[in-house]
Each structure stands twice: as C-alpha cells, then as structure tokens.
Amino acid sequence: MIEVRIHGRGGQGNVVAAYLLATAAFEEGRYGQAFPAFGAERRGAPVTAFVRIADAPIRRRCEVRQPAFLIIQDEALLHVSGVLDGLLPGGGILVNSGRPSDQLSAEHGHDMLGLPASALATEILGRPMPNTALLAAFLTLSGLLPCEALVKALAERFRGKILEKNTALIERASSMVTPGLWQEVSHAASA
C-alpha cells in the first residue's frame, strides 16, 4: 500500500486532489482511499488530505502518519510544524514552488522537488489551482499510475473546455519532471 499526504490551504483544491488520485487508482483497477482533515472550513486555512492506493482492499481508516510521499500545495506550509513529520526514509516531497529544488532542499533539510504548479495553472487554466499540475508531476515521478488515469478521473468531474485545459496542464506538468525518478520509493513502500 502506498500512502500519500497532501498539505494545502482551503480553496486550493486539496481535497479534490485526494479524491482525483483515489479515482485514478480505481480507473487502473486498483483500490483507493481518500479523505480530508481540516478545522474551521474557510478559504486559506490549512487543509490536509490523505490518500492510500493498494492492490487489495484497504482496511486501514486512520490518518496517514508515515507517508511515502508528501505533496505540498503551498510552499509557506513548509514552515508549519508537523508538515514534514513521518515521511518514510527516502520518501518524495513535491512542492508547489517556483524556487529551485536544491534551494528548497537545503533550506528545509529534506530532498524536495519544486514545481511552479500555480503559475502553470494560471497560464493554462486562468486560475492558480495547483492540484492537477502537482498530481500529474507526482504520477510521472512515482510511476504509481499513468497520467491517463488522472485524465479519466477528471473526465468524471469535468467536460468540454475545462477538461481540455486540465489535460493540457497534465501534459505540461508531467513534461517538467523526470519520469520514474521516485519509482524506487513506490516499489519499496508497497513491498
């Protein structure tokens, strides 16, 4: 079973990202589980979402405390206590940031990969929603699921121009990262 924790702020599509990732797993014949944890529901408040993907039914129902991967939708959350807690050794951290990955890694003491997801979304969608770009990059890096599964998951929610723009965003974001870079982490976590 692969466990992913997604940190963001209300209004960034954090919960939608978790559900899309779980739906993409279903599209590939796997099991997926997604659920959020948040306090007062307001735009801008910290939100955490949890995702599990497995080849067998998922019985675990607790929050993800030891994720193989972290997806950080707001770089400022890297300064919040507990955001990086529990990451498995060698786990991957994908951050919505225009800053170079080596600079992020040096500043926070963990290997991180930065992707300007909000800027890409603004350019392609016309709105700074980082979730789709981050998911596309994550799937490309981890090799966990093909990006086509993400497109299918999006097609369950969107149609027409919105789906076309999101598909273009997926293609662009996935082209900006190294395919399979985190594949070893995916295999080790699921073993």
Protein backbone atom coordinates (compact mmCIF):
# COMPACT_ATOMS: atom_id res chain seq x y z
CA MET A 1 0.00 0.00 0.00
CA ILE A 2 1.24 3.48 -0.89
CA GLU A 3 0.29 6.33 1.42
CA VAL A 4 0.33 9.99 0.36
CA ARG A 5 -0.31 13.08 2.44
CA ILE A 6 -1.34 16.31 0.72
CA HIS A 7 -0.97 19.65 2.51
CA GLY A 8 -2.56 22.82 1.22
CA ARG A 9 -4.91 25.63 2.07
CA GLY A 10 -8.66 25.86 1.74
CA GLY A 11 -9.55 26.84 -1.82
CA GLN A 12 -6.52 25.21 -3.48
CA GLY A 13 -8.32 22.01 -4.38
CA ASN A 14 -6.54 19.92 -1.75
CA VAL A 15 -9.48 17.61 -1.04
CA VAL A 16 -10.32 17.37 -4.75
CA ALA A 17 -6.70 16.36 -5.41
CA ALA A 18 -7.01 13.47 -2.95
CA TYR A 19 -10.27 12.27 -4.49
CA LEU A 20 -8.85 12.56 -8.01
CA LEU A 21 -5.82 10.47 -7.05
CA ALA A 22 -8.01 7.76 -5.47
CA THR A 23 -10.33 7.82 -8.50
CA ALA A 24 -7.32 7.47 -10.82
CA ALA A 25 -6.36 4.34 -8.85
CA PHE A 26 -9.87 2.92 -9.39
CA GLU A 27 -9.54 3.69 -13.12
CA GLU A 28 -6.50 1.42 -13.17
CA GLY A 29 -8.23 -1.43 -11.36
CA ARG A 30 -6.61 -0.71 -8.02
CA TYR A 31 -8.07 0.25 -4.65
CA GLY A 32 -8.02 3.85 -3.47
CA GLN A 33 -9.00 5.70 -0.34
CA ALA A 34 -9.10 9.47 0.15
CA PHE A 35 -10.32 11.69 2.96
CA PRO A 36 -9.56 15.16 4.37
CA ALA A 37 -8.80 16.58 7.80
CA PHE A 38 -9.38 20.24 8.48
CA GLY A 39 -10.55 22.57 11.21
CA ALA A 40 -12.79 25.52 10.57
CA GLU A 41 -13.86 25.47 6.95
CA ARG A 42 -12.59 28.71 5.49
CA ARG A 43 -10.59 29.74 2.48
CA GLY A 44 -6.88 29.91 3.28
CA ALA A 45 -6.96 27.66 6.36
CA PRO A 46 -4.53 24.70 6.37
CA VAL A 47 -6.07 21.50 5.00
CA THR A 48 -4.56 18.02 4.99
CA ALA A 49 -5.83 15.23 2.79
CA PHE A 50 -4.83 11.58 2.87
CA VAL A 51 -4.65 9.04 0.07
CA ARG A 52 -3.98 5.32 0.08
CA ILE A 53 -3.52 3.21 -3.05
CA ALA A 54 -3.25 -0.57 -2.96
CA ASP A 55 -3.75 -3.73 -4.96
CA ALA A 56 -6.00 -5.21 -2.26
CA PRO A 57 -8.92 -3.78 -0.26
CA ILE A 58 -7.82 -1.07 2.18
CA ARG A 59 -8.91 -1.75 5.75
CA ARG A 60 -6.90 1.00 7.47
CA ARG A 61 -9.03 4.02 8.40
CA CYS A 62 -6.66 6.29 10.33
CA GLU A 63 -4.85 9.39 9.10
CA VAL A 64 -1.65 8.85 7.12
CA ARG A 65 1.14 9.27 9.65
CA GLN A 66 4.05 7.76 7.69
CA PRO A 67 3.58 8.70 4.05
CA ALA A 68 5.86 7.57 1.26
CA PHE A 69 5.11 10.89 -0.44
CA LEU A 70 4.17 14.43 0.52
CA ILE A 71 2.53 16.87 -1.87
CA ILE A 72 2.72 20.44 -0.58
CA GLN A 73 0.35 22.79 -2.44
CA ASP A 74 1.51 25.91 -0.57
CA GLU A 75 5.24 26.41 -0.03
CA ALA A 76 4.57 28.53 3.09
CA LEU A 77 3.28 25.38 4.82
CA LEU A 78 6.87 24.07 4.90
CA HIS A 79 7.31 26.40 7.88
CA VAL A 80 4.38 24.87 9.78
CA SER A 81 5.32 22.38 12.46
CA GLY A 82 4.49 18.77 11.62
CA VAL A 83 4.05 19.10 7.86
CA LEU A 84 7.14 17.00 7.10
CA ASP A 85 6.68 14.62 10.05
CA GLY A 86 6.60 10.88 9.47
CA LEU A 87 7.91 10.83 5.91
CA LEU A 88 9.38 7.42 5.19
CA PRO A 89 13.18 7.35 4.67
CA GLY A 90 13.89 8.26 1.05
CA GLY A 91 10.31 9.46 0.57
CA GLY A 92 9.45 12.07 -2.02
CA ILE A 93 8.35 15.65 -1.35
CA LEU A 94 6.77 17.63 -4.20
CA VAL A 95 6.30 21.34 -3.51
CA ASN A 96 4.33 23.97 -5.41
CA SER A 97 7.19 26.43 -5.81
CA GLY A 98 8.99 28.39 -8.46
CA ARG A 99 12.22 28.12 -6.47
CA PRO A 100 14.93 25.63 -7.50
CA SER A 101 14.66 22.20 -5.91
CA ASP A 102 18.19 22.33 -4.47
CA GLN A 103 17.39 25.62 -2.72
CA LEU A 104 14.21 24.15 -1.17
CA SER A 105 16.11 21.03 -0.09
CA ALA A 106 18.95 22.99 1.51
CA GLU A 107 16.55 25.29 3.37
CA HIS A 108 14.41 22.51 4.83
CA GLY A 109 16.91 19.65 5.25
CA HIS A 110 14.98 17.18 3.06
CA ASP A 111 15.24 16.32 -0.62
CA MET A 112 12.43 18.24 -2.32
CA LEU A 113 11.31 18.81 -5.83
CA GLY A 114 9.78 22.17 -6.73
CA LEU A 115 7.21 22.67 -9.48
CA PRO A 116 5.63 26.05 -10.28
CA ALA A 117 2.16 24.47 -10.27
CA SER A 118 0.17 27.63 -9.50
CA ALA A 119 1.95 29.53 -12.28
CA LEU A 120 1.29 26.70 -14.75
CA ALA A 121 -2.37 26.54 -13.74
CA THR A 122 -2.76 30.30 -14.08
CA GLU A 123 -1.21 30.18 -17.55
CA ILE A 124 -3.29 27.24 -18.81
CA LEU A 125 -6.50 27.33 -16.73
CA GLY A 126 -6.63 31.02 -15.95
CA ARG A 127 -6.74 30.25 -12.20
CA PRO A 128 -3.96 29.44 -9.71
CA MET A 129 -5.25 25.93 -8.84
CA PRO A 130 -2.09 23.81 -8.31
CA ASN A 131 -3.73 20.42 -7.67
CA THR A 132 -3.91 18.97 -11.20
CA ALA A 133 -0.35 20.02 -12.11
CA LEU A 134 1.02 18.58 -8.86
CA LEU A 135 -0.83 15.28 -9.34
CA ALA A 136 0.46 14.96 -12.91
CA ALA A 137 4.02 15.59 -11.77
CA PHE A 138 3.60 13.18 -8.85
CA LEU A 139 2.30 10.38 -11.07
CA THR A 140 5.11 10.94 -13.56
CA LEU A 141 7.77 10.94 -10.82
CA SER A 142 6.42 7.93 -8.95
CA GLY A 143 5.22 5.79 -11.85
CA LEU A 144 2.41 4.78 -9.49
CA LEU A 145 -0.31 5.30 -12.10
CA PRO A 146 -0.30 6.59 -15.67
CA CYS A 147 -1.36 10.19 -16.24
CA GLU A 148 -4.14 8.84 -18.48
CA ALA A 149 -5.83 7.55 -15.31
CA LEU A 150 -5.80 11.12 -13.97
CA VAL A 151 -7.40 12.35 -17.19
CA LYS A 152 -10.12 9.68 -16.80
CA ALA A 153 -10.69 10.76 -13.19
CA LEU A 154 -11.02 14.39 -14.30
CA ALA A 155 -13.46 13.34 -17.04
CA GLU A 156 -15.82 12.14 -14.31
CA ARG A 157 -15.99 15.72 -12.97
CA PHE A 158 -15.43 17.97 -15.99
CA ARG A 159 -16.33 18.22 -19.66
CA GLY A 160 -15.52 20.37 -22.67
CA LYS A 161 -13.02 23.22 -22.41
CA ILE A 162 -12.34 22.68 -18.71
CA LEU A 163 -11.34 19.07 -19.31
CA GLU A 164 -9.27 20.06 -22.37
CA LYS A 165 -7.39 22.71 -20.38
CA ASN A 166 -6.76 20.33 -17.48
CA THR A 167 -5.48 17.70 -19.93
CA ALA A 168 -3.09 20.29 -21.38
CA LEU A 169 -1.97 21.15 -17.84
CA ILE A 170 -1.31 17.46 -17.11
CA GLU A 171 0.83 17.15 -20.23
CA ARG A 172 2.82 20.30 -19.42
CA ALA A 173 3.42 19.46 -15.75
CA SER A 174 4.43 15.86 -16.48
CA SER A 175 6.92 17.06 -19.08
CA MET A 176 8.68 19.19 -16.44
CA VAL A 177 9.78 16.31 -14.19
CA THR A 178 11.90 13.19 -14.62
CA PRO A 179 9.72 10.13 -15.30
CA GLY A 180 10.22 7.38 -12.73
CA LEU A 181 12.57 9.40 -10.50
CA TRP A 182 10.67 8.20 -7.42
CA GLN A 183 9.80 4.73 -8.72
CA GLU A 184 12.11 3.02 -6.20
CA VAL A 185 10.26 4.74 -3.36
CA SER A 186 6.94 3.50 -4.80
CA HIS A 187 8.25 -0.09 -5.00
CA ALA A 188 9.82 -0.01 -1.54
CA ALA A 189 6.72 1.45 0.10
CA SER A 190 4.40 -1.09 -1.48
CA ALA A 191 6.63 -4.10 -0.67
